[in-house]
N, C-alpha and C. Protein backbone atom coordinates (compact mmCIF):
# COMPACT_ATOMS: atom_id res chain seq x y z
N UNK A 1 -34.88 -65.76 51.70
CA UNK A 1 -34.25 -64.64 52.18
C UNK A 1 -33.26 -64.22 51.28
N UNK A 2 -33.04 -62.95 50.84
CA UNK A 2 -31.95 -62.26 50.10
C UNK A 2 -30.58 -62.18 50.71
N UNK A 3 -29.37 -62.68 50.00
CA UNK A 3 -28.23 -62.53 50.70
C UNK A 3 -27.83 -61.34 50.43
N UNK A 4 -27.10 -60.35 51.46
CA UNK A 4 -26.72 -59.07 51.38
C UNK A 4 -25.12 -59.30 51.80
N UNK A 5 -24.38 -58.13 51.16
CA UNK A 5 -22.92 -58.16 51.43
C UNK A 5 -22.74 -56.84 51.70
N UNK A 6 -21.63 -56.57 52.78
CA UNK A 6 -21.50 -55.05 52.91
C UNK A 6 -20.24 -55.34 53.71
N UNK A 7 -19.64 -54.09 54.02
CA UNK A 7 -18.39 -53.85 54.82
C UNK A 7 -19.11 -54.16 56.57
N UNK A 8 -18.34 -54.77 57.22
CA UNK A 8 -18.57 -54.80 58.60
C UNK A 8 -18.28 -53.69 59.28
N UNK A 9 -18.92 -53.63 60.47
CA UNK A 9 -18.46 -52.32 61.39
C UNK A 9 -17.55 -52.79 62.20
N UNK A 10 -16.68 -51.93 62.97
CA UNK A 10 -15.78 -52.49 64.21
C UNK A 10 -16.60 -53.16 64.99
N UNK A 11 -17.89 -52.54 65.30
CA UNK A 11 -18.59 -53.22 66.66
C UNK A 11 -19.07 -54.77 66.25
N UNK A 12 -19.00 -55.21 64.88
CA UNK A 12 -19.39 -56.48 64.69
C UNK A 12 -18.11 -57.30 64.69
N UNK A 13 -17.12 -57.12 65.26
CA UNK A 13 -15.98 -57.96 65.36
C UNK A 13 -16.38 -59.40 66.09
N UNK A 14 -17.29 -59.26 67.03
CA UNK A 14 -17.70 -60.36 68.00
C UNK A 14 -18.02 -61.44 67.12
N UNK A 15 -19.25 -61.16 66.42
CA UNK A 15 -19.73 -62.29 65.21
C UNK A 15 -18.93 -62.86 64.24
N UNK A 16 -18.22 -61.51 63.80
CA UNK A 16 -17.28 -61.75 62.62
C UNK A 16 -16.03 -63.01 62.94
N UNK A 17 -15.48 -62.69 64.20
CA UNK A 17 -14.75 -63.60 65.08
C UNK A 17 -15.26 -65.10 64.88
N UNK A 18 -16.56 -64.94 65.59
CA UNK A 18 -17.26 -66.22 65.63
C UNK A 18 -17.25 -66.99 64.56
N UNK A 19 -17.77 -66.58 63.32
CA UNK A 19 -17.83 -66.74 61.97
C UNK A 19 -16.34 -67.96 61.43
N UNK A 20 -15.32 -66.89 61.77
CA UNK A 20 -14.05 -67.32 61.25
C UNK A 20 -13.72 -68.54 62.07
N UNK A 21 -13.97 -68.45 63.63
CA UNK A 21 -13.32 -69.37 64.36
C UNK A 21 -14.17 -70.88 64.09
N UNK A 22 -15.44 -70.60 64.20
CA UNK A 22 -16.33 -71.70 63.80
C UNK A 22 -15.79 -72.49 62.39
N UNK A 23 -15.56 -71.70 61.31
CA UNK A 23 -15.16 -72.19 60.14
C UNK A 23 -13.87 -73.01 60.16
N UNK A 24 -13.10 -72.45 60.89
CA UNK A 24 -11.52 -73.08 61.05
C UNK A 24 -12.05 -74.62 61.77
N UNK A 25 -12.41 -74.33 62.84
CA UNK A 25 -12.49 -75.63 63.74
C UNK A 25 -13.48 -76.87 63.00
N UNK A 26 -14.61 -76.35 62.59
CA UNK A 26 -15.72 -77.29 61.77
C UNK A 26 -15.24 -77.70 60.53
N UNK A 27 -14.93 -76.67 59.66
CA UNK A 27 -14.76 -77.04 58.11
C UNK A 27 -13.25 -77.48 57.53
N UNK A 28 -12.14 -77.10 58.26
CA UNK A 28 -11.01 -76.93 58.08
C UNK A 28 -10.14 -78.54 58.61
N UNK A 29 -11.08 -79.45 58.89
CA UNK A 29 -10.27 -80.56 59.30
C UNK A 29 -9.32 -81.11 58.29
N UNK A 30 -9.44 -81.13 57.18
CA UNK A 30 -8.55 -81.54 56.37
C UNK A 30 -7.17 -80.63 56.52
N UNK A 31 -7.16 -79.79 56.97
CA UNK A 31 -5.82 -78.81 57.12
C UNK A 31 -5.47 -78.95 58.80
N UNK A 32 -6.27 -79.00 59.59
CA UNK A 32 -5.66 -79.22 61.18
C UNK A 32 -5.76 -80.58 61.55
N UNK A 33 -6.54 -81.62 60.87
CA UNK A 33 -6.55 -82.91 61.25
C UNK A 33 -7.20 -83.11 62.72
N UNK A 34 -7.92 -82.14 63.34
CA UNK A 34 -8.48 -82.33 64.60
C UNK A 34 -7.26 -82.03 65.76
N UNK A 35 -6.11 -81.83 65.39
CA UNK A 35 -4.86 -81.73 66.22
C UNK A 35 -5.16 -80.33 67.05
N UNK A 36 -5.74 -80.37 68.25
CA UNK A 36 -5.71 -79.09 69.15
C UNK A 36 -4.71 -78.46 69.26
N UNK A 37 -3.50 -78.88 69.12
CA UNK A 37 -2.49 -77.66 69.02
C UNK A 37 -2.31 -76.78 67.81
N UNK A 38 -2.74 -77.46 66.78
CA UNK A 38 -2.68 -76.71 65.49
C UNK A 38 -3.89 -75.86 65.25
N UNK A 39 -5.07 -76.39 65.80
CA UNK A 39 -6.14 -75.46 65.98
C UNK A 39 -5.97 -74.21 66.86
N UNK A 40 -5.48 -74.61 67.95
CA UNK A 40 -5.35 -73.49 68.92
C UNK A 40 -4.54 -72.48 68.34
N UNK A 41 -3.07 -72.87 67.72
CA UNK A 41 -2.20 -71.80 67.02
C UNK A 41 -2.94 -71.20 65.89
N UNK A 42 -3.89 -71.90 64.65
CA UNK A 42 -4.45 -71.10 64.00
C UNK A 42 -5.71 -70.12 64.46
N UNK A 43 -6.31 -70.32 65.69
CA UNK A 43 -7.26 -69.44 66.30
C UNK A 43 -6.40 -68.39 66.97
N UNK A 44 -5.18 -68.29 67.38
CA UNK A 44 -4.57 -67.54 68.36
C UNK A 44 -4.75 -66.10 68.08
N UNK A 45 -4.96 -65.69 66.89
CA UNK A 45 -4.95 -64.35 66.26
C UNK A 45 -6.27 -64.10 65.89
N UNK A 46 -7.18 -65.02 66.08
CA UNK A 46 -8.59 -64.62 65.59
C UNK A 46 -9.82 -64.11 66.41
N UNK A 47 -9.28 -63.52 67.47
CA UNK A 47 -9.96 -63.01 68.63
C UNK A 47 -10.93 -61.79 68.19
N UNK A 48 -11.93 -61.53 68.83
CA UNK A 48 -12.84 -60.23 68.39
C UNK A 48 -12.03 -59.04 68.48
N UNK A 49 -11.02 -58.87 69.47
CA UNK A 49 -10.20 -57.80 69.57
C UNK A 49 -9.23 -57.70 68.55
N UNK A 50 -8.64 -58.93 67.91
CA UNK A 50 -7.84 -58.64 66.73
C UNK A 50 -8.58 -58.41 65.63
N UNK A 51 -9.72 -59.04 65.44
CA UNK A 51 -10.40 -58.77 64.24
C UNK A 51 -11.18 -57.52 64.04
N UNK A 52 -11.49 -56.86 65.37
CA UNK A 52 -11.85 -55.39 65.42
C UNK A 52 -10.45 -54.43 64.87
N UNK A 53 -9.21 -54.72 65.27
CA UNK A 53 -8.19 -54.05 64.75
C UNK A 53 -8.03 -54.17 63.32
N UNK A 54 -8.22 -55.43 62.70
CA UNK A 54 -8.17 -55.64 61.37
C UNK A 54 -9.28 -55.05 60.41
N UNK A 55 -10.50 -54.91 61.05
CA UNK A 55 -11.58 -54.36 60.34
C UNK A 55 -11.23 -52.85 60.36
N UNK A 56 -10.45 -52.15 61.49
CA UNK A 56 -10.21 -50.74 61.40
C UNK A 56 -9.15 -50.26 60.49
N UNK A 57 -8.14 -51.30 60.04
CA UNK A 57 -7.27 -51.08 59.42
C UNK A 57 -7.47 -50.78 57.94
N UNK A 58 -7.18 -49.56 57.63
CA UNK A 58 -7.57 -48.76 56.19
C UNK A 58 -6.89 -49.63 55.07
N UNK A 59 -5.85 -50.46 55.28
CA UNK A 59 -5.34 -51.08 54.19
C UNK A 59 -6.06 -52.61 53.75
N UNK A 60 -6.89 -52.69 54.87
CA UNK A 60 -8.01 -53.94 54.63
C UNK A 60 -9.19 -53.95 54.35
N UNK A 61 -9.41 -54.17 53.22
CA UNK A 61 -11.04 -54.14 52.77
C UNK A 61 -11.76 -55.45 53.00
N UNK A 62 -12.81 -55.09 54.03
CA UNK A 62 -13.47 -56.22 54.60
C UNK A 62 -14.61 -56.28 53.78
N UNK A 63 -15.35 -57.51 53.63
CA UNK A 63 -16.84 -57.76 53.45
C UNK A 63 -17.28 -58.71 54.34
N UNK A 64 -18.70 -58.56 54.86
CA UNK A 64 -19.35 -59.63 55.42
C UNK A 64 -20.70 -59.95 54.41
N UNK A 65 -21.06 -61.13 54.64
CA UNK A 65 -22.24 -61.40 53.95
C UNK A 65 -23.32 -62.31 54.73
N UNK A 66 -24.37 -62.54 54.71
CA UNK A 66 -25.29 -63.10 55.14
C UNK A 66 -26.95 -62.78 54.75
N UNK A 67 -27.77 -63.76 55.38
CA UNK A 67 -29.10 -63.41 55.08
C UNK A 67 -29.60 -62.83 56.24
N UNK A 68 -30.04 -63.25 57.52
CA UNK A 68 -30.36 -62.83 58.60
C UNK A 68 -29.13 -62.30 59.81
N UNK A 69 -28.27 -63.21 59.50
CA UNK A 69 -27.00 -62.65 60.36
C UNK A 69 -25.88 -62.81 59.62
N UNK A 70 -24.61 -62.66 60.29
CA UNK A 70 -23.46 -62.57 59.31
C UNK A 70 -22.93 -64.11 59.26
N UNK A 71 -22.93 -64.50 57.97
CA UNK A 71 -22.57 -65.72 57.64
C UNK A 71 -21.20 -66.27 57.11
N UNK A 72 -20.64 -64.96 56.63
CA UNK A 72 -19.28 -65.40 55.95
C UNK A 72 -18.58 -63.98 56.07
N UNK A 73 -17.33 -64.11 56.19
CA UNK A 73 -16.46 -62.77 56.28
C UNK A 73 -15.07 -62.97 55.31
N UNK A 74 -14.84 -61.81 54.75
CA UNK A 74 -13.64 -62.00 53.91
C UNK A 74 -12.95 -60.68 54.17
N UNK A 75 -11.61 -60.58 53.78
CA UNK A 75 -10.87 -59.47 53.58
C UNK A 75 -9.77 -59.72 52.58
N UNK A 76 -9.35 -58.40 51.70
CA UNK A 76 -8.52 -58.45 51.04
C UNK A 76 -7.80 -57.04 51.14
N UNK A 77 -6.39 -57.23 50.80
CA UNK A 77 -5.66 -55.69 51.11
C UNK A 77 -5.71 -55.11 49.60
N UNK A 78 -5.47 -53.78 49.85
CA UNK A 78 -5.65 -52.73 48.50
C UNK A 78 -4.77 -53.60 47.31
N UNK A 79 -3.73 -54.22 47.75
CA UNK A 79 -2.86 -54.50 46.57
C UNK A 79 -3.32 -55.95 45.79
N UNK A 80 -4.53 -56.51 46.27
CA UNK A 80 -5.17 -57.70 45.91
C UNK A 80 -4.71 -59.10 46.56
N UNK A 81 -4.11 -59.00 47.76
CA UNK A 81 -3.81 -60.23 48.54
C UNK A 81 -5.09 -60.22 49.14
N UNK A 82 -5.74 -61.78 49.00
CA UNK A 82 -6.66 -61.79 50.07
C UNK A 82 -6.25 -62.50 51.27
N UNK A 83 -6.66 -61.98 52.21
CA UNK A 83 -6.12 -62.23 53.61
C UNK A 83 -6.75 -63.32 54.22
N UNK A 84 -8.31 -63.55 54.11
CA UNK A 84 -9.09 -64.57 54.88
C UNK A 84 -10.27 -64.56 54.05
N UNK A 85 -10.96 -65.70 54.06
CA UNK A 85 -12.41 -65.81 53.47
C UNK A 85 -12.84 -66.97 53.96
N UNK A 86 -13.89 -66.84 55.25
CA UNK A 86 -14.34 -67.82 55.92
C UNK A 86 -15.99 -67.73 55.91
N UNK A 87 -16.46 -68.86 55.95
CA UNK A 87 -18.16 -69.20 55.97
C UNK A 87 -18.36 -69.95 57.24
N UNK A 88 -19.67 -69.61 57.97
CA UNK A 88 -20.32 -70.20 58.95
C UNK A 88 -20.51 -71.47 58.40
N UNK A 89 -20.05 -72.80 59.09
CA UNK A 89 -20.67 -74.03 58.68
C UNK A 89 -22.06 -74.18 58.36
N UNK A 90 -23.02 -73.67 58.81
CA UNK A 90 -24.51 -73.60 58.31
C UNK A 90 -24.46 -73.28 57.14
N UNK A 91 -23.85 -72.17 56.56
CA UNK A 91 -24.02 -71.49 55.25
C UNK A 91 -23.06 -72.29 54.29
N UNK A 92 -22.37 -73.07 54.37
CA UNK A 92 -21.46 -73.67 53.39
C UNK A 92 -22.17 -74.32 52.11
N UNK A 93 -21.85 -74.17 50.95
CA UNK A 93 -22.49 -74.15 49.78
C UNK A 93 -23.67 -73.71 49.67
N UNK A 94 -23.98 -72.52 50.15
CA UNK A 94 -24.99 -71.72 49.80
C UNK A 94 -25.01 -70.32 49.14
N UNK A 95 -23.69 -70.34 48.46
CA UNK A 95 -23.24 -69.37 47.89
C UNK A 95 -22.88 -68.00 48.54
N UNK A 96 -22.54 -68.00 49.71
CA UNK A 96 -22.05 -66.87 50.43
C UNK A 96 -20.50 -66.83 50.24
N UNK A 97 -19.59 -67.76 50.09
CA UNK A 97 -18.37 -67.86 49.88
C UNK A 97 -18.28 -67.29 48.36
N UNK A 98 -18.79 -67.57 47.54
CA UNK A 98 -18.68 -67.13 46.20
C UNK A 98 -18.94 -65.85 46.28
N UNK A 99 -20.06 -65.32 46.74
CA UNK A 99 -20.65 -63.78 46.58
C UNK A 99 -19.26 -63.14 47.52
N UNK A 100 -18.99 -63.42 48.71
CA UNK A 100 -17.70 -62.78 49.24
C UNK A 100 -16.33 -62.63 48.28
N UNK A 101 -16.11 -63.84 47.54
CA UNK A 101 -15.00 -63.67 46.94
C UNK A 101 -15.12 -62.67 45.74
N UNK A 102 -16.08 -62.69 45.10
CA UNK A 102 -16.41 -61.87 44.11
C UNK A 102 -16.52 -60.34 44.65
N UNK A 103 -16.86 -60.15 46.11
CA UNK A 103 -16.82 -58.62 46.26
C UNK A 103 -15.51 -58.17 46.64
N UNK A 104 -14.60 -59.28 47.24
CA UNK A 104 -13.20 -59.07 47.56
C UNK A 104 -12.61 -58.69 46.35
N UNK A 105 -12.81 -59.36 45.10
CA UNK A 105 -12.08 -59.00 44.02
C UNK A 105 -12.46 -57.73 43.39
N UNK A 106 -13.81 -57.46 43.56
CA UNK A 106 -14.25 -56.23 43.07
C UNK A 106 -13.38 -54.84 43.68
N UNK A 107 -13.63 -55.28 45.13
CA UNK A 107 -12.99 -54.06 45.99
C UNK A 107 -11.57 -54.00 45.72
N UNK A 108 -10.78 -54.86 45.66
CA UNK A 108 -9.23 -54.95 45.21
C UNK A 108 -9.05 -54.20 43.89
N UNK A 109 -10.01 -54.66 42.63
CA UNK A 109 -9.74 -53.92 41.34
C UNK A 109 -10.26 -52.40 41.58
N UNK A 110 -11.17 -52.12 42.45
CA UNK A 110 -11.61 -50.50 42.56
C UNK A 110 -10.51 -49.93 43.19
N UNK A 111 -9.40 -50.46 44.16
CA UNK A 111 -8.47 -49.95 44.90
C UNK A 111 -7.34 -49.72 43.92
N UNK A 112 -7.35 -50.45 42.73
CA UNK A 112 -6.00 -50.40 41.81
C UNK A 112 -5.33 -51.85 41.53
N UNK A 113 -5.76 -52.72 42.30
CA UNK A 113 -5.06 -53.97 41.93
C UNK A 113 -5.11 -54.53 40.64
N UNK A 114 -4.22 -55.42 40.23
CA UNK A 114 -4.23 -55.85 38.81
C UNK A 114 -4.22 -57.36 38.62
N UNK A 115 -4.05 -57.89 40.05
CA UNK A 115 -3.77 -59.24 40.23
C UNK A 115 -4.27 -59.68 41.62
N UNK A 116 -4.90 -60.76 41.81
CA UNK A 116 -5.63 -61.16 43.10
C UNK A 116 -4.32 -62.28 43.30
N UNK A 117 -4.14 -62.35 44.67
CA UNK A 117 -3.47 -63.58 45.03
C UNK A 117 -3.73 -64.16 46.52
N UNK A 118 -3.70 -65.35 46.99
CA UNK A 118 -3.88 -65.90 48.14
C UNK A 118 -3.01 -67.05 48.55
N UNK A 119 -3.37 -67.51 49.68
CA UNK A 119 -2.70 -68.76 50.01
C UNK A 119 -3.82 -69.57 50.48
N UNK A 120 -4.17 -70.70 49.66
CA UNK A 120 -5.36 -71.49 49.98
C UNK A 120 -5.08 -72.71 50.98
N UNK A 121 -5.62 -73.08 52.00
CA UNK A 121 -5.84 -74.13 52.55
C UNK A 121 -6.29 -75.31 51.56
N UNK A 122 -5.93 -76.71 52.12
CA UNK A 122 -6.19 -77.47 51.29
C UNK A 122 -7.93 -77.75 51.22
N UNK A 123 -8.45 -77.40 52.51
CA UNK A 123 -9.98 -77.31 52.27
C UNK A 123 -10.60 -76.41 51.25
N UNK A 124 -10.07 -75.19 51.03
CA UNK A 124 -10.73 -74.51 50.15
C UNK A 124 -10.06 -74.32 48.59
N UNK A 125 -8.85 -75.15 48.40
CA UNK A 125 -8.25 -75.09 47.22
C UNK A 125 -9.18 -75.39 46.11
N UNK A 126 -9.99 -76.41 46.16
CA UNK A 126 -10.93 -76.81 44.97
C UNK A 126 -11.93 -75.40 44.84
N UNK A 127 -12.43 -74.95 45.70
CA UNK A 127 -13.20 -73.67 45.67
C UNK A 127 -12.31 -72.55 44.64
N UNK A 128 -11.36 -72.44 45.08
CA UNK A 128 -10.53 -71.42 44.39
C UNK A 128 -10.12 -71.58 42.87
N UNK A 129 -9.70 -72.77 42.91
CA UNK A 129 -9.43 -73.39 41.31
C UNK A 129 -10.65 -73.23 40.46
N UNK A 130 -11.79 -73.76 41.03
CA UNK A 130 -13.25 -73.53 40.48
C UNK A 130 -13.66 -72.06 39.98
N UNK A 131 -12.79 -71.30 40.81
CA UNK A 131 -13.36 -69.61 40.51
C UNK A 131 -12.27 -69.08 39.89
N UNK A 132 -11.27 -69.83 39.18
CA UNK A 132 -10.55 -69.42 38.19
C UNK A 132 -9.01 -69.15 38.52
N UNK A 133 -8.74 -69.57 39.86
CA UNK A 133 -7.25 -69.38 40.34
C UNK A 133 -6.43 -70.46 39.83
N UNK A 134 -5.11 -70.14 39.72
CA UNK A 134 -4.01 -70.96 39.07
C UNK A 134 -2.81 -70.89 40.40
N UNK A 135 -2.25 -72.19 40.45
CA UNK A 135 -1.02 -72.34 41.36
C UNK A 135 -0.08 -71.12 40.67
N UNK A 136 0.62 -70.57 41.92
CA UNK A 136 1.82 -69.67 41.38
C UNK A 136 2.90 -70.65 41.08
N UNK A 137 3.36 -71.31 41.98
CA UNK A 137 4.67 -72.12 42.08
C UNK A 137 4.49 -73.28 40.93
N UNK A 138 5.51 -73.84 40.63
CA UNK A 138 5.62 -74.83 39.56
C UNK A 138 5.41 -76.19 40.22
N UNK A 139 5.09 -76.05 41.66
CA UNK A 139 5.21 -77.55 42.30
C UNK A 139 3.77 -78.23 41.57
N UNK A 140 3.86 -79.60 41.53
CA UNK A 140 2.86 -80.48 41.09
C UNK A 140 1.75 -80.33 42.10
N UNK A 141 0.31 -80.75 41.86
CA UNK A 141 -0.52 -80.62 42.55
C UNK A 141 -0.48 -81.87 43.81
N UNK A 142 0.16 -82.93 43.19
CA UNK A 142 0.33 -83.88 44.43
C UNK A 142 1.44 -83.78 45.29
N UNK A 143 2.51 -82.71 44.90
CA UNK A 143 3.51 -82.55 45.70
C UNK A 143 2.90 -81.55 46.88
N UNK A 144 2.25 -80.53 46.35
CA UNK A 144 1.65 -79.65 47.38
C UNK A 144 0.59 -80.32 48.53
N UNK A 145 -0.02 -81.21 47.72
CA UNK A 145 -1.05 -81.89 48.77
C UNK A 145 -0.34 -82.73 49.80
N UNK A 146 0.88 -83.26 49.21
CA UNK A 146 1.51 -84.45 50.10
C UNK A 146 2.44 -83.60 51.32
N UNK A 147 2.70 -82.58 50.77
CA UNK A 147 3.64 -81.46 51.87
C UNK A 147 2.72 -80.92 53.07
N UNK A 148 1.28 -80.94 52.74
CA UNK A 148 0.48 -80.16 53.65
C UNK A 148 0.57 -78.90 54.03
N UNK A 149 1.20 -78.04 52.92
CA UNK A 149 1.11 -76.76 52.75
C UNK A 149 0.24 -76.12 52.37
N UNK A 150 0.12 -74.77 52.53
CA UNK A 150 -0.87 -73.87 51.84
C UNK A 150 -0.50 -73.72 50.56
N UNK A 151 -1.28 -73.64 49.40
CA UNK A 151 -1.05 -73.38 48.01
C UNK A 151 -1.21 -71.98 47.76
N UNK A 152 -0.11 -71.22 46.96
CA UNK A 152 0.14 -69.94 46.50
C UNK A 152 -0.93 -69.86 45.21
N UNK A 153 -1.75 -69.19 45.15
CA UNK A 153 -2.76 -69.05 43.79
C UNK A 153 -2.93 -67.75 43.64
N UNK A 154 -3.20 -67.33 42.22
CA UNK A 154 -3.34 -66.00 41.70
C UNK A 154 -4.21 -66.25 40.64
N UNK A 155 -4.78 -64.88 40.28
CA UNK A 155 -5.88 -64.60 39.23
C UNK A 155 -5.74 -63.19 38.97
N UNK A 156 -5.45 -63.09 37.51
CA UNK A 156 -5.41 -61.69 37.01
C UNK A 156 -6.84 -61.10 37.26
N UNK A 157 -7.00 -59.92 37.68
CA UNK A 157 -8.55 -59.11 37.94
C UNK A 157 -8.97 -58.96 36.56
N UNK A 158 -10.18 -58.96 36.64
CA UNK A 158 -10.99 -58.62 35.57
C UNK A 158 -12.06 -57.62 36.21
N UNK A 159 -12.66 -56.94 35.35
CA UNK A 159 -13.93 -56.34 36.28
C UNK A 159 -14.98 -57.12 36.40
N UNK A 160 -14.92 -57.48 37.90
CA UNK A 160 -16.01 -58.51 38.26
C UNK A 160 -17.41 -57.78 38.37
N UNK A 161 -18.32 -58.59 38.15
CA UNK A 161 -19.71 -58.14 38.15
C UNK A 161 -20.40 -58.78 39.50
N UNK A 162 -20.51 -57.77 40.27
CA UNK A 162 -21.21 -58.08 41.70
C UNK A 162 -22.49 -57.12 41.52
N UNK A 163 -23.65 -57.89 41.70
CA UNK A 163 -24.79 -56.95 41.75
C UNK A 163 -25.28 -56.59 43.01
């Protein structure tokens, strides 16, 4: 079945929230270490109600992707700041994340951004580096990893090719 990408409807906040929450709990072990308090803190603002508010915010450009159901969700601000990009654990390594990132970059470019920036978790860092992002700070990779904080990454926009 062919992968589709489109903006979500506010009424889809529940399945979008579910994908985001499952991704955090099941795929971001390297970041939260299974600590229930850290997980709860990370999930605190990922409720369907909050996701609905984010989707409705005109400053946020949202996309969802999937085959039969929503398998991934992402958002970027008009200025090029990626706010989030999560994939359902069952869709990991299926191309959903890459397709969503390309769509978010295209959306930001069309909104006038000249640079894409984001804060990457340890879990997603390799994905973003492979996609052409580079660290903003002069911190060494080892220092960033050992400190356990998110890494600021950036990439100049080019006209992405999303088909």
